[in-house]
């Protein structure tokens, strides 16, 4: 599938959101527990994204929690007060941390397949950071967004796990 096909799939999936995120906190908490990660990168969800707000609150009690912000054409992760960024997402204002210090990264997605291919919003920010990330990456989607095949291109980066409100899958 080409770029146009990805664009059409993004539009179709975005229109179908939101769905219930009930159960997602428990799925993510179990991943944190088994991973032993001390520094976790998450995100502040937009209204139509899987709601990780409760997970973020709980994770901050036992781990160092950082959030993404866009700097040029890359993502960096930091703590601090959240402010609206250039794409309408919330971004932290504090000091950036080294990517190598992050043990677990919670990655938003519009869709993912069981091979770990994820469909993002099309700007490639997470693909660029995942290319050099060595920790555990977990795509978060609604159950209906776990699809048979996500179109991928050479620059796309896979995730190691998938979390939905009802289940967790380890990518083979």
Foldseek 3Di string as FASTA:
>chain_A
DDPVVLVVVLVVLQVPFDDDLAQQLVQVVVVCVVQVWQEEEEFCDDPRFRHCPVNQVVCVVRHHYWYWDDDPLEIFIDAADWDQHPVRGTHHDGDTDDLASGAEYEAEASAAELQQFGRHPPSCHVLVSLVPHDHAYEYEHAPVRHDHDDDDDPSTDGGQWYTHSVDIHGRD
